[in-house]
Amino acid sequence: MNNHKPKNVFIKGAIPPEFIGESIAKHSSKQDIGAHSIFLGQVRNDVINDKTVVAIDYSAYEEMANEKFHEIREAAFEKYPLSCLHIYHSLGKVAKGEICLFVFTSSKHRKNAIAACEYLVERIKAEVPVWGKEVFKDESHSWKVNH
């Protein structure tokens, strides 16, 4: 692993579609890339115990989580021949239908980009100290729902 400083991967609130589009567009100048793989985690409007989820309120031990994101990122670079790798995760409330996790891998070949993206998502879900608390329809009076 290299000795890069861990990046802050957190974004307050939902990850905007424009941010995702701009991230993709920035890579068009990198002509050694032949494939990108993207995972977008979206908040579902699940029904739990007869209550409808309208949002998820994400929290984390940010420093510890950023360290873990960094460790997972570096392991992916060691395991797969990647050109680029980006991870962003929401903090705070994210409404149903909005994006809360954005993982973006790039490589010369699609199989490496796809495999690395899946590897990252599975490790993130299993290892990173980020928690989501459901906000239900009847509890949303203290939080304005945009949908």
Protein backbone atom coordinates (compact mmCIF):
# COMPACT_ATOMS: atom_id res chain seq x y z
CA MET A 1 0.00 0.00 0.00
CA ASN A 2 1.15 3.53 -0.60
CA ASN A 3 1.29 6.23 2.03
CA HIS A 4 -1.35 8.61 0.67
CA LYS A 5 -3.37 10.44 3.28
CA PRO A 6 -6.97 9.18 3.58
CA LYS A 7 -9.47 11.35 1.73
CA ASN A 8 -12.75 12.54 3.17
CA VAL A 9 -15.30 10.51 1.20
CA PHE A 10 -18.35 12.02 2.90
CA ILE A 11 -20.88 14.35 1.31
CA LYS A 12 -23.55 16.05 3.43
CA GLY A 13 -26.95 14.84 2.29
CA ALA A 14 -27.70 13.11 -0.99
CA ILE A 15 -25.10 12.74 -3.73
CA PRO A 16 -26.42 14.93 -6.57
CA PRO A 17 -26.81 13.41 -10.06
CA GLU A 18 -24.89 16.41 -11.42
CA PHE A 19 -21.90 15.49 -9.23
CA ILE A 20 -21.98 11.93 -10.62
CA GLY A 21 -22.22 13.21 -14.20
CA GLU A 22 -19.35 15.65 -13.69
CA SER A 23 -17.20 12.89 -12.17
CA ILE A 24 -17.75 10.74 -15.25
CA ALA A 25 -17.12 13.63 -17.64
CA LYS A 26 -13.78 14.45 -15.99
CA HIS A 27 -12.48 11.04 -17.07
CA SER A 28 -13.02 11.55 -20.81
CA SER A 29 -9.54 13.07 -21.15
CA LYS A 30 -7.92 9.93 -19.69
CA GLN A 31 -7.50 7.99 -22.91
CA ASP A 32 -5.87 4.89 -21.38
CA ILE A 33 -9.21 4.01 -19.77
CA GLY A 34 -11.38 1.52 -21.66
CA ALA A 35 -14.05 0.86 -19.06
CA HIS A 36 -15.82 2.34 -16.06
CA SER A 37 -17.99 0.55 -13.56
CA ILE A 38 -20.34 2.49 -11.34
CA PHE A 39 -22.37 1.47 -8.32
CA LEU A 40 -25.07 3.83 -7.07
CA GLY A 41 -26.72 3.04 -3.74
CA GLN A 42 -30.20 4.55 -3.54
CA VAL A 43 -32.51 4.92 -0.55
CA ARG A 44 -35.56 2.64 -0.84
CA ASN A 45 -38.98 3.48 0.55
CA ASP A 46 -39.20 0.21 2.45
CA VAL A 47 -42.09 -0.62 4.74
CA ILE A 48 -40.92 -1.85 8.16
CA ASN A 49 -43.49 -2.86 10.77
CA ASP A 50 -46.23 -1.14 8.75
CA LYS A 51 -44.27 2.14 8.67
CA THR A 52 -42.99 3.66 5.40
CA VAL A 53 -39.37 4.79 5.18
CA VAL A 54 -39.08 8.31 3.73
CA ALA A 55 -35.35 8.79 4.35
CA ILE A 56 -32.24 7.34 5.92
CA ASP A 57 -30.21 9.39 8.39
CA TYR A 58 -26.55 8.33 7.94
CA SER A 59 -23.95 8.74 10.66
CA ALA A 60 -20.36 7.56 11.03
CA TYR A 61 -17.23 7.74 13.06
CA GLU A 62 -15.82 9.91 10.28
CA GLU A 63 -12.10 9.63 10.98
CA MET A 64 -12.29 5.86 11.51
CA ALA A 65 -14.55 5.44 8.48
CA ASN A 66 -12.25 7.49 6.24
CA GLU A 67 -9.31 5.34 7.38
CA LYS A 68 -11.27 2.18 6.52
CA PHE A 69 -12.36 3.57 3.15
CA HIS A 70 -8.69 4.34 2.46
CA GLU A 71 -7.60 0.82 3.46
CA ILE A 72 -10.23 -0.75 1.20
CA ARG A 73 -9.34 1.62 -1.65
CA GLU A 74 -5.63 0.75 -1.44
CA ALA A 75 -6.43 -2.98 -1.29
CA ALA A 76 -8.49 -2.65 -4.49
CA PHE A 77 -5.58 -0.94 -6.25
CA GLU A 78 -3.30 -3.81 -5.18
CA LYS A 79 -5.79 -6.48 -6.31
CA TYR A 80 -6.94 -4.99 -9.64
CA PRO A 81 -5.18 -3.02 -12.42
CA LEU A 82 -7.18 0.19 -12.03
CA SER A 83 -6.60 3.63 -13.50
CA CYS A 84 -8.96 5.45 -11.12
CA LEU A 85 -11.16 4.69 -8.14
CA HIS A 86 -13.54 7.05 -6.38
CA ILE A 87 -15.83 6.50 -3.39
CA TYR A 88 -18.40 8.94 -1.97
CA HIS A 89 -20.87 8.29 0.85
CA SER A 90 -23.64 10.46 2.27
CA LEU A 91 -23.89 11.72 5.83
CA GLY A 92 -27.10 13.09 7.28
CA LYS A 93 -30.58 12.62 5.88
CA VAL A 94 -31.08 11.27 2.38
CA ALA A 95 -34.65 11.01 1.05
CA LYS A 96 -36.09 7.93 -0.64
CA GLY A 97 -35.01 7.77 -4.27
CA GLU A 98 -31.82 9.76 -3.68
CA ILE A 99 -28.25 8.45 -4.00
CA CYS A 100 -26.28 7.73 -0.81
CA LEU A 101 -23.27 5.73 -2.13
CA PHE A 102 -21.26 6.32 -5.31
CA VAL A 103 -18.43 3.93 -6.21
CA PHE A 104 -16.64 4.55 -9.51
CA THR A 105 -13.84 2.37 -10.88
CA SER A 106 -11.88 2.76 -14.13
CA SER A 107 -9.54 0.38 -15.90
CA LYS A 108 -8.23 -0.53 -19.34
CA HIS A 109 -10.63 -3.48 -19.43
CA ARG A 110 -14.23 -3.92 -18.27
CA LYS A 111 -13.77 -7.13 -16.26
CA ASN A 112 -11.29 -5.44 -13.92
CA ALA A 113 -13.46 -2.34 -13.50
CA ILE A 114 -16.56 -4.44 -12.78
CA ALA A 115 -14.81 -6.87 -10.42
CA ALA A 116 -13.13 -4.05 -8.50
CA CYS A 117 -16.41 -2.15 -8.14
CA GLU A 118 -18.17 -5.21 -6.72
CA TYR A 119 -15.23 -5.94 -4.40
CA LEU A 120 -15.33 -2.37 -3.07
CA VAL A 121 -19.08 -2.29 -2.48
CA GLU A 122 -19.06 -5.61 -0.61
CA ARG A 123 -16.15 -4.56 1.61
CA ILE A 124 -17.68 -1.12 2.27
CA LYS A 125 -20.99 -2.64 3.34
CA ALA A 126 -19.26 -5.22 5.58
CA GLU A 127 -16.47 -3.17 7.15
CA VAL A 128 -16.97 0.59 7.18
CA PRO A 129 -18.45 2.12 10.36
CA VAL A 130 -21.34 3.96 8.70
CA TRP A 131 -24.87 3.51 10.01
CA GLY A 132 -28.24 4.33 8.56
CA LYS A 133 -31.29 5.02 10.73
CA GLU A 134 -34.63 4.88 8.99
CA VAL A 135 -36.82 7.98 9.11
CA PHE A 136 -40.46 6.93 8.85
CA LYS A 137 -43.37 8.81 7.34
CA ASP A 138 -44.98 9.51 10.72
CA GLU A 139 -41.64 10.78 12.12
CA SER A 140 -40.84 13.07 9.20
CA HIS A 141 -42.76 16.08 10.58
CA SER A 142 -39.48 17.41 12.01
CA TRP A 143 -37.72 16.99 8.66
CA LYS A 144 -38.95 18.37 5.37
CA VAL A 145 -39.22 15.59 2.79
CA ASN A 146 -38.52 16.80 -0.75
CA HIS A 147 -40.48 14.07 -2.49
